[in-house]
Amino acid sequence: MKNFRALVDSTGRETRFNPRLTLFVGENDFGKSAIVDALKIVLGTTDLGWYRIKESDFRMPELKQNPIELAFDCFMSRWLYL
């Protein structure tokens, strides 16, 4: 994940999710909320609550495309989604 809020660098940041539970723990301005909000943008959300994403969150305004990059490796054979 890169080019979004605190996640600004040329290499991006890799986050590995545990199949059972993933916790984000860290100091203020470390990027915990940025990870969740970037996932909300990419995956879409039906949450009508407080939406914290602003145009100023994106660090590459000269791009005409969405600068957030996320890559997923998904193995869902063990899960049933209803």
PDB file of N, CA and C in Angstrom:
ATOM      1  N   MET A   1       0.863  -1.155   0.000  1.00  0.00           N
ATOM      2  CA  MET A   1       0.000   0.000   0.000  1.00  0.00           C
ATOM      3  C   MET A   1       0.915   1.224   0.000  1.00  0.00           C
ATOM      4  N   LYS A   2       0.614   2.179  -0.861  1.00  0.00           N
ATOM      5  CA  LYS A   2       1.452   3.377  -0.900  1.00  0.00           C
ATOM      6  C   LYS A   2       0.661   4.575  -1.407  1.00  0.00           C
ATOM      7  N   ASN A   3       1.209   5.759  -1.171  1.00  0.00           N
ATOM      8  CA  ASN A   3       0.661   7.038  -1.643  1.00  0.00           C
ATOM      9  C   ASN A   3      -0.651   7.433  -0.980  1.00  0.00           C
ATOM     10  N   PHE A   4      -0.826   7.069   0.245  1.00  0.00           N
ATOM     11  CA  PHE A   4      -2.043   7.415   0.967  1.00  0.00           C
ATOM     12  C   PHE A   4      -1.685   7.756   2.405  1.00  0.00           C
ATOM     13  N   ARG A   5      -1.993   8.970   2.795  1.00  0.00           N
ATOM     14  CA  ARG A   5      -1.769   9.460   4.157  1.00  0.00           C
ATOM     15  C   ARG A   5      -0.355   9.170   4.641  1.00  0.00           C
ATOM     16  N   ALA A   6      -0.241   8.455   5.746  1.00  0.00           N
ATOM     17  CA  ALA A   6       1.071   8.191   6.345  1.00  0.00           C
ATOM     18  C   ALA A   6       1.873   7.155   5.562  1.00  0.00           C
ATOM     19  N   LEU A   7       1.276   6.562   4.555  1.00  0.00           N
ATOM     20  CA  LEU A   7       1.926   5.490   3.808  1.00  0.00           C
ATOM     21  C   LEU A   7       2.583   6.030   2.549  1.00  0.00           C
ATOM     22  N   VAL A   8       3.381   7.066   2.698  1.00  0.00           N
ATOM     23  CA  VAL A   8       3.983   7.735   1.551  1.00  0.00           C
ATOM     24  C   VAL A   8       5.453   7.355   1.466  1.00  0.00           C
ATOM     25  N   ASP A   9       5.788   6.536   0.508  1.00  0.00           N
ATOM     26  CA  ASP A   9       7.170   6.271   0.139  1.00  0.00           C
ATOM     27  C   ASP A   9       7.148   5.546  -1.198  1.00  0.00           C
ATOM     28  N   SER A  10       8.298   5.373  -1.794  1.00  0.00           N
ATOM     29  CA  SER A  10       8.326   4.798  -3.139  1.00  0.00           C
ATOM     30  C   SER A  10       8.171   3.285  -3.141  1.00  0.00           C
ATOM     31  N   THR A  11       8.398   2.632  -2.007  1.00  0.00           N
ATOM     32  CA  THR A  11       8.349   1.172  -1.987  1.00  0.00           C
ATOM     33  C   THR A  11       7.023   0.625  -1.499  1.00  0.00           C
ATOM     34  N   GLY A  12       6.225   1.424  -0.830  1.00  0.00           N
ATOM     35  CA  GLY A  12       4.958   0.941  -0.298  1.00  0.00           C
ATOM     36  C   GLY A  12       5.161   0.196   1.009  1.00  0.00           C
ATOM     37  N   ARG A  13       4.084  -0.295   1.550  1.00  0.00           N
ATOM     38  CA  ARG A  13       4.135  -1.023   2.819  1.00  0.00           C
ATOM     39  C   ARG A  13       3.354  -2.315   2.660  1.00  0.00           C
ATOM     40  N   GLU A  14       3.956  -3.402   3.094  1.00  0.00           N
ATOM     41  CA  GLU A  14       3.293  -4.702   3.016  1.00  0.00           C
ATOM     42  C   GLU A  14       2.704  -5.045   4.372  1.00  0.00           C
ATOM     43  N   THR A  15       1.471  -5.486   4.370  1.00  0.00           N
ATOM     44  CA  THR A  15       0.785  -5.905   5.587  1.00  0.00           C
ATOM     45  C   THR A  15       0.269  -7.312   5.370  1.00  0.00           C
ATOM     46  N   ARG A  16       0.650  -8.200   6.243  1.00  0.00           N
ATOM     47  CA  ARG A  16       0.172  -9.582   6.148  1.00  0.00           C
ATOM     48  C   ARG A  16      -0.957  -9.774   7.149  1.00  0.00           C
ATOM     49  N   PHE A  17      -2.067 -10.302   6.656  1.00  0.00           N
ATOM     50  CA  PHE A  17      -3.236 -10.531   7.493  1.00  0.00           C
ATOM     51  C   PHE A  17      -3.273 -11.993   7.924  1.00  0.00           C
ATOM     52  N   ASN A  18      -3.531 -12.205   9.200  1.00  0.00           N
ATOM     53  CA  ASN A  18      -3.708 -13.550   9.726  1.00  0.00           C
ATOM     54  C   ASN A  18      -5.094 -14.038   9.324  1.00  0.00           C
ATOM     55  N   PRO A  19      -5.244 -15.302   8.953  1.00  0.00           N
ATOM     56  CA  PRO A  19      -6.567 -15.795   8.545  1.00  0.00           C
ATOM     57  C   PRO A  19      -7.628 -15.682   9.639  1.00  0.00           C
ATOM     58  N   ARG A  20      -7.229 -15.685  10.884  1.00  0.00           N
ATOM     59  CA  ARG A  20      -8.203 -15.643  11.970  1.00  0.00           C
ATOM     60  C   ARG A  20      -8.409 -14.239  12.533  1.00  0.00           C
ATOM     61  N   LEU A  21      -7.322 -13.507  12.758  1.00  0.00           N
ATOM     62  CA  LEU A  21      -7.443 -12.190  13.385  1.00  0.00           C
ATOM     63  C   LEU A  21      -6.203 -11.365  13.090  1.00  0.00           C
ATOM     64  N   THR A  22      -6.399 -10.125  12.693  1.00  0.00           N
ATOM     65  CA  THR A  22      -5.297  -9.194  12.490  1.00  0.00           C
ATOM     66  C   THR A  22      -5.561  -7.957  13.323  1.00  0.00           C
ATOM     67  N   LEU A  23      -4.576  -7.543  14.098  1.00  0.00           N
ATOM     68  CA  LEU A  23      -4.676  -6.341  14.928  1.00  0.00           C
ATOM     69  C   LEU A  23      -3.673  -5.318  14.431  1.00  0.00           C
ATOM     70  N   PHE A  24      -4.068  -4.059  14.427  1.00  0.00           N
ATOM     71  CA  PHE A  24      -3.163  -2.968  14.094  1.00  0.00           C
ATOM     72  C   PHE A  24      -2.860  -2.218  15.380  1.00  0.00           C
ATOM     73  N   VAL A  25      -1.611  -2.265  15.810  1.00  0.00           N
ATOM     74  CA  VAL A  25      -1.195  -1.624  17.049  1.00  0.00           C
ATOM     75  C   VAL A  25      -0.011  -0.726  16.725  1.00  0.00           C
ATOM     76  N   GLY A  26      -0.044   0.499  17.223  1.00  0.00           N
ATOM     77  CA  GLY A  26       1.073   1.402  16.996  1.00  0.00           C
ATOM     78  C   GLY A  26       0.781   2.779  17.545  1.00  0.00           C
ATOM     79  N   GLU A  27       1.793   3.620  17.492  1.00  0.00           N
ATOM     80  CA  GLU A  27       1.667   4.986  17.984  1.00  0.00           C
ATOM     81  C   GLU A  27       0.768   5.799  17.058  1.00  0.00           C
ATOM     82  N   ASN A  28       0.402   6.984  17.511  1.00  0.00           N
ATOM     83  CA  ASN A  28      -0.377   7.905  16.682  1.00  0.00           C
ATOM     84  C   ASN A  28       0.403   8.237  15.415  1.00  0.00           C
ATOM     85  N   ASP A  29      -0.323   8.461  14.326  1.00  0.00           N
ATOM     86  CA  ASP A  29       0.261   8.800  13.022  1.00  0.00           C
ATOM     87  C   ASP A  29       1.172   7.709  12.471  1.00  0.00           C
ATOM     88  N   PHE A  30       0.922   6.478  12.836  1.00  0.00           N
ATOM     89  CA  PHE A  30       1.706   5.355  12.317  1.00  0.00           C
ATOM     90  C   PHE A  30       1.083   4.773  11.055  1.00  0.00           C
ATOM     91  N   GLY A  31      -0.239   4.980  10.859  1.00  0.00           N
ATOM     92  CA  GLY A  31      -0.901   4.527   9.645  1.00  0.00           C
ATOM     93  C   GLY A  31      -1.968   3.467   9.855  1.00  0.00           C
ATOM     94  N   LYS A  32      -2.358   3.222  11.094  1.00  0.00           N
ATOM     95  CA  LYS A  32      -3.377   2.198  11.375  1.00  0.00           C
ATOM     96  C   LYS A  32      -4.702   2.529  10.701  1.00  0.00           C
ATOM     97  N   SER A  33      -5.201   3.712  10.921  1.00  0.00           N
ATOM     98  CA  SER A  33      -6.478   4.118  10.314  1.00  0.00           C
ATOM     99  C   SER A  33      -6.355   4.257   8.803  1.00  0.00           C
ATOM    100  N   ALA A  34      -5.183   4.636   8.326  1.00  0.00           N
ATOM    101  CA  ALA A  34      -4.977   4.766   6.885  1.00  0.00           C
ATOM    102  C   ALA A  34      -5.137   3.420   6.190  1.00  0.00           C
ATOM    103  N   ILE A  35      -4.668   2.356   6.821  1.00  0.00           N
ATOM    104  CA  ILE A  35      -4.820   1.024   6.236  1.00  0.00           C
ATOM    105  C   ILE A  35      -6.296   0.670   6.112  1.00  0.00           C
ATOM    106  N   VAL A  36      -7.040   0.883   7.175  1.00  0.00           N
ATOM    107  CA  VAL A  36      -8.471   0.558   7.172  1.00  0.00           C
ATOM    108  C   VAL A  36      -9.223   1.425   6.161  1.00  0.00           C
ATOM    109  N   ASP A  37      -8.929   2.721   6.127  1.00  0.00           N
ATOM    110  CA  ASP A  37      -9.625   3.618   5.201  1.00  0.00           C
ATOM    111  C   ASP A  37      -9.279   3.310   3.742  1.00  0.00           C
ATOM    112  N   ALA A  38      -8.033   2.941   3.461  1.00  0.00           N
ATOM    113  CA  ALA A  38      -7.668   2.561   2.094  1.00  0.00           C
ATOM    114  C   ALA A  38      -8.414   1.301   1.670  1.00  0.00           C
ATOM    115  N   LEU A  39      -8.558   0.357   2.586  1.00  0.00           N
ATOM    116  CA  LEU A  39      -9.345  -0.846   2.290  1.00  0.00           C
ATOM    117  C   LEU A  39     -10.799  -0.490   2.013  1.00  0.00           C
ATOM    118  N   LYS A  40     -11.335   0.483   2.751  1.00  0.00           N
ATOM    119  CA  LYS A  40     -12.719   0.912   2.527  1.00  0.00           C
ATOM    120  C   LYS A  40     -12.888   1.499   1.125  1.00  0.00           C
ATOM    121  N   ILE A  41     -11.906   2.258   0.674  1.00  0.00           N
ATOM    122  CA  ILE A  41     -11.988   2.850  -0.664  1.00  0.00           C
ATOM    123  C   ILE A  41     -11.946   1.763  -1.731  1.00  0.00           C
ATOM    124  N   VAL A  42     -10.981   0.878  -1.620  1.00  0.00           N
ATOM    125  CA  VAL A  42     -10.772  -0.125  -2.663  1.00  0.00           C
ATOM    126  C   VAL A  42     -11.882  -1.168  -2.691  1.00  0.00           C
ATOM    127  N   LEU A  43     -12.327  -1.612  -1.525  1.00  0.00           N
ATOM    128  CA  LEU A  43     -13.338  -2.663  -1.458  1.00  0.00           C
ATOM    129  C   LEU A  43     -14.755  -2.130  -1.436  1.00  0.00           C
ATOM    130  N   GLY A  44     -14.899  -0.826  -1.247  1.00  0.00           N
ATOM    131  CA  GLY A  44     -16.225  -0.237  -1.121  1.00  0.00           C
ATOM    132  C   GLY A  44     -16.740  -0.413   0.298  1.00  0.00           C
ATOM    133  N   THR A  45     -17.672   0.414   0.685  1.00  0.00           N
ATOM    134  CA  THR A  45     -18.210   0.330   2.036  1.00  0.00           C
ATOM    135  C   THR A  45     -19.685   0.676   2.013  1.00  0.00           C
ATOM    136  N   THR A  46     -20.415   0.079   2.910  1.00  0.00           N
ATOM    137  CA  THR A  46     -21.819   0.447   3.090  1.00  0.00           C
ATOM    138  C   THR A  46     -21.999   1.187   4.401  1.00  0.00           C
ATOM    139  N   ASP A  47     -20.890   1.478   5.049  1.00  0.00           N
ATOM    140  CA  ASP A  47     -20.915   2.193   6.319  1.00  0.00           C
ATOM    141  C   ASP A  47     -21.351   3.634   6.084  1.00  0.00           C
ATOM    142  N   LEU A  48     -22.433   4.023   6.700  1.00  0.00           N
ATOM    143  CA  LEU A  48     -22.919   5.398   6.550  1.00  0.00           C
ATOM    144  C   LEU A  48     -22.427   6.290   7.677  1.00  0.00           C
ATOM    145  N   GLY A  49     -21.531   5.774   8.487  1.00  0.00           N
ATOM    146  CA  GLY A  49     -20.979   6.539   9.602  1.00  0.00           C
ATOM    147  C   GLY A  49     -19.981   7.574   9.118  1.00  0.00           C
ATOM    148  N   TRP A  50     -19.163   8.005  10.013  1.00  0.00           N
ATOM    149  CA  TRP A  50     -18.179   9.050   9.749  1.00  0.00           C
ATOM    150  C   TRP A  50     -17.192   8.575   8.690  1.00  0.00           C
ATOM    151  N   TYR A  51     -17.119   9.295   7.599  1.00  0.00           N
ATOM    152  CA  TYR A  51     -16.249   8.936   6.491  1.00  0.00           C
ATOM    153  C   TYR A  51     -15.080   9.897   6.484  1.00  0.00           C
ATOM    154  N   ARG A  52     -13.902   9.441   6.829  1.00  0.00           N
ATOM    155  CA  ARG A  52     -12.757  10.311   7.065  1.00  0.00           C
ATOM    156  C   ARG A  52     -11.869  10.545   5.856  1.00  0.00           C
ATOM    157  N   ILE A  53     -12.186  10.030   4.724  1.00  0.00           N
ATOM    158  CA  ILE A  53     -11.302  10.140   3.574  1.00  0.00           C
ATOM    159  C   ILE A  53     -11.531  11.470   2.868  1.00  0.00           C
ATOM    160  N   LYS A  54     -10.424  12.213   2.650  1.00  0.00           N
ATOM    161  CA  LYS A  54     -10.484  13.515   1.995  1.00  0.00           C
ATOM    162  C   LYS A  54      -9.527  13.517   0.805  1.00  0.00           C
ATOM    163  N   GLU A  55      -9.739  14.422  -0.113  1.00  0.00           N
ATOM    164  CA  GLU A  55      -8.857  14.531  -1.274  1.00  0.00           C
ATOM    165  C   GLU A  55      -7.418  14.796  -0.850  1.00  0.00           C
ATOM    166  N   SER A  56      -7.226  15.529   0.232  1.00  0.00           N
ATOM    167  CA  SER A  56      -5.875  15.849   0.696  1.00  0.00           C
ATOM    168  C   SER A  56      -5.136  14.630   1.244  1.00  0.00           C
ATOM    169  N   ASP A  57      -5.829  13.507   1.444  1.00  0.00           N
ATOM    170  CA  ASP A  57      -5.175  12.288   1.915  1.00  0.00           C
ATOM    171  C   ASP A  57      -4.282  11.668   0.851  1.00  0.00           C
ATOM    172  N   PHE A  58      -4.558  11.953  -0.407  1.00  0.00           N
ATOM    173  CA  PHE A  58      -3.806  11.364  -1.497  1.00  0.00           C
ATOM    174  C   PHE A  58      -2.582  12.215  -1.772  1.00  0.00           C
ATOM    175  N   ARG A  59      -1.420  11.591  -1.828  1.00  0.00           N
ATOM    176  CA  ARG A  59      -0.155  12.308  -1.919  1.00  0.00           C
ATOM    177  C   ARG A  59       0.342  12.531  -3.332  1.00  0.00           C
ATOM    178  N   MET A  60      -0.418  12.136  -4.328  1.00  0.00           N
ATOM    179  CA  MET A  60       0.016  12.302  -5.709  1.00  0.00           C
ATOM    180  C   MET A  60      -1.089  12.972  -6.512  1.00  0.00           C
ATOM    181  N   PRO A  61      -1.403  14.232  -6.236  1.00  0.00           N
ATOM    182  CA  PRO A  61      -2.534  14.885  -6.908  1.00  0.00           C
ATOM    183  C   PRO A  61      -2.344  15.061  -8.409  1.00  0.00           C
ATOM    184  N   GLU A  62      -1.106  14.971  -8.905  1.00  0.00           N
ATOM    185  CA  GLU A  62      -0.900  15.149 -10.337  1.00  0.00           C
ATOM    186  C   GLU A  62      -1.382  13.949 -11.149  1.00  0.00           C
ATOM    187  N   LEU A  63      -1.604  12.823 -10.500  1.00  0.00           N
ATOM    188  CA  LEU A  63      -2.115  11.658 -11.216  1.00  0.00           C
ATOM    189  C   LEU A  63      -3.605  11.793 -11.451  1.00  0.00           C
ATOM    190  N   LYS A  64      -4.052  11.368 -12.592  1.00  0.00           N
ATOM    191  CA  LYS A  64      -5.475  11.428 -12.898  1.00  0.00           C
ATOM    192  C   LYS A  64      -6.189  10.148 -12.463  1.00  0.00           C
ATOM    193  N   GLN A  65      -5.428   9.152 -12.087  1.00  0.00           N
ATOM    194  CA  GLN A  65      -6.013   7.892 -11.637  1.00  0.00           C
ATOM    195  C   GLN A  65      -5.882   7.778 -10.125  1.00  0.00           C
ATOM    196  N   ASN A  66      -6.541   6.811  -9.571  1.00  0.00           N
ATOM    197  CA  ASN A  66      -6.494   6.595  -8.135  1.00  0.00           C
ATOM    198  C   ASN A  66      -5.102   6.116  -7.740  1.00  0.00           C
ATOM    199  N   PRO A  67      -4.374   6.857  -6.905  1.00  0.00           N
ATOM    200  CA  PRO A  67      -2.999   6.496  -6.586  1.00  0.00           C
ATOM    201  C   PRO A  67      -2.853   5.407  -5.530  1.00  0.00           C
ATOM    202  N   ILE A  68      -3.937   4.982  -4.913  1.00  0.00           N
ATOM    203  CA  ILE A  68      -3.825   3.932  -3.906  1.00  0.00           C
ATOM    204  C   ILE A  68      -3.626   2.601  -4.611  1.00  0.00           C
ATOM    205  N   GLU A  69      -2.630   1.862  -4.164  1.00  0.00           N
ATOM    206  CA  GLU A  69      -2.376   0.552  -4.739  1.00  0.00           C
ATOM    207  C   GLU A  69      -2.490  -0.489  -3.638  1.00  0.00           C
ATOM    208  N   LEU A  70      -3.297  -1.504  -3.871  1.00  0.00           N
ATOM    209  CA  LEU A  70      -3.424  -2.627  -2.947  1.00  0.00           C
ATOM    210  C   LEU A  70      -3.316  -3.907  -3.750  1.00  0.00           C
ATOM    211  N   ALA A  71      -2.608  -4.876  -3.211  1.00  0.00           N
ATOM    212  CA  ALA A  71      -2.512  -6.193  -3.835  1.00  0.00           C
ATOM    213  C   ALA A  71      -2.968  -7.224  -2.815  1.00  0.00           C
ATOM    214  N   PHE A  72      -3.754  -8.181  -3.263  1.00  0.00           N
ATOM    215  CA  PHE A  72      -4.305  -9.192  -2.362  1.00  0.00           C
ATOM    216  C   PHE A  72      -3.942 -10.586  -2.846  1.00  0.00           C
ATOM    217  N   ASP A  73      -3.560 -11.434  -1.920  1.00  0.00           N
ATOM    218  CA  ASP A  73      -3.490 -12.872  -2.145  1.00  0.00           C
ATOM    219  C   ASP A  73      -4.602 -13.459  -1.305  1.00  0.00           C
ATOM    220  N   CYS A  74      -5.590 -14.059  -1.938  1.00  0.00           N
ATOM    221  CA  CYS A  74      -6.755 -14.567  -1.205  1.00  0.00           C
ATOM    222  C   CYS A  74      -6.902 -16.064  -1.417  1.00  0.00           C
ATOM    223  N   PHE A  75      -7.079 -16.748  -0.319  1.00  0.00           N
ATOM    224  CA  PHE A  75      -7.374 -18.175  -0.348  1.00  0.00           C
ATOM    225  C   PHE A  75      -8.644 -18.355   0.452  1.00  0.00           C
ATOM    226  N   MET A  76      -9.774 -18.532  -0.226  1.00  0.00           N
ATOM    227  CA  MET A  76     -11.062 -18.551   0.452  1.00  0.00           C
ATOM    228  C   MET A  76     -11.716 -19.920   0.446  1.00  0.00           C
ATOM    229  N   SER A  77     -10.986 -20.951   0.136  1.00  0.00           N
ATOM    230  CA  SER A  77     -11.612 -22.263   0.048  1.00  0.00           C
ATOM    231  C   SER A  77     -12.117 -22.755   1.403  1.00  0.00           C
ATOM    232  N   ARG A  78     -11.577 -22.225   2.506  1.00  0.00           N
ATOM    233  CA  ARG A  78     -12.004 -22.668   3.830  1.00  0.00           C
ATOM    234  C   ARG A  78     -13.171 -21.862   4.367  1.00  0.00           C
ATOM    235  N   TRP A  79     -13.605 -20.845   3.660  1.00  0.00           N
ATOM    236  CA  TRP A  79     -14.612 -19.929   4.191  1.00  0.00           C
ATOM    237  C   TRP A  79     -15.894 -19.990   3.383  1.00  0.00           C
ATOM    238  N   LEU A  80     -16.990 -19.804   4.049  1.00  0.00           N
ATOM    239  CA  LEU A  80     -18.292 -19.720   3.395  1.00  0.00           C
ATOM    240  C   LEU A  80     -18.832 -18.323   3.632  1.00  0.00           C
ATOM    241  N   TYR A  81     -19.072 -17.587   2.574  1.00  0.00           N
ATOM    242  CA  TYR A  81     -19.594 -16.226   2.687  1.00  0.00           C
ATOM    243  C   TYR A  81     -21.060 -16.229   2.285  1.00  0.00           C
ATOM    244  N   LEU A  82     -21.917 -15.744   3.159  1.00  0.00           N
ATOM    245  CA  LEU A  82     -23.354 -15.703   2.886  1.00  0.00           C
ATOM    246  C   LEU A  82     -23.796 -14.291   2.605  1.00  0.00           C
TER     247      LEU A  82
END
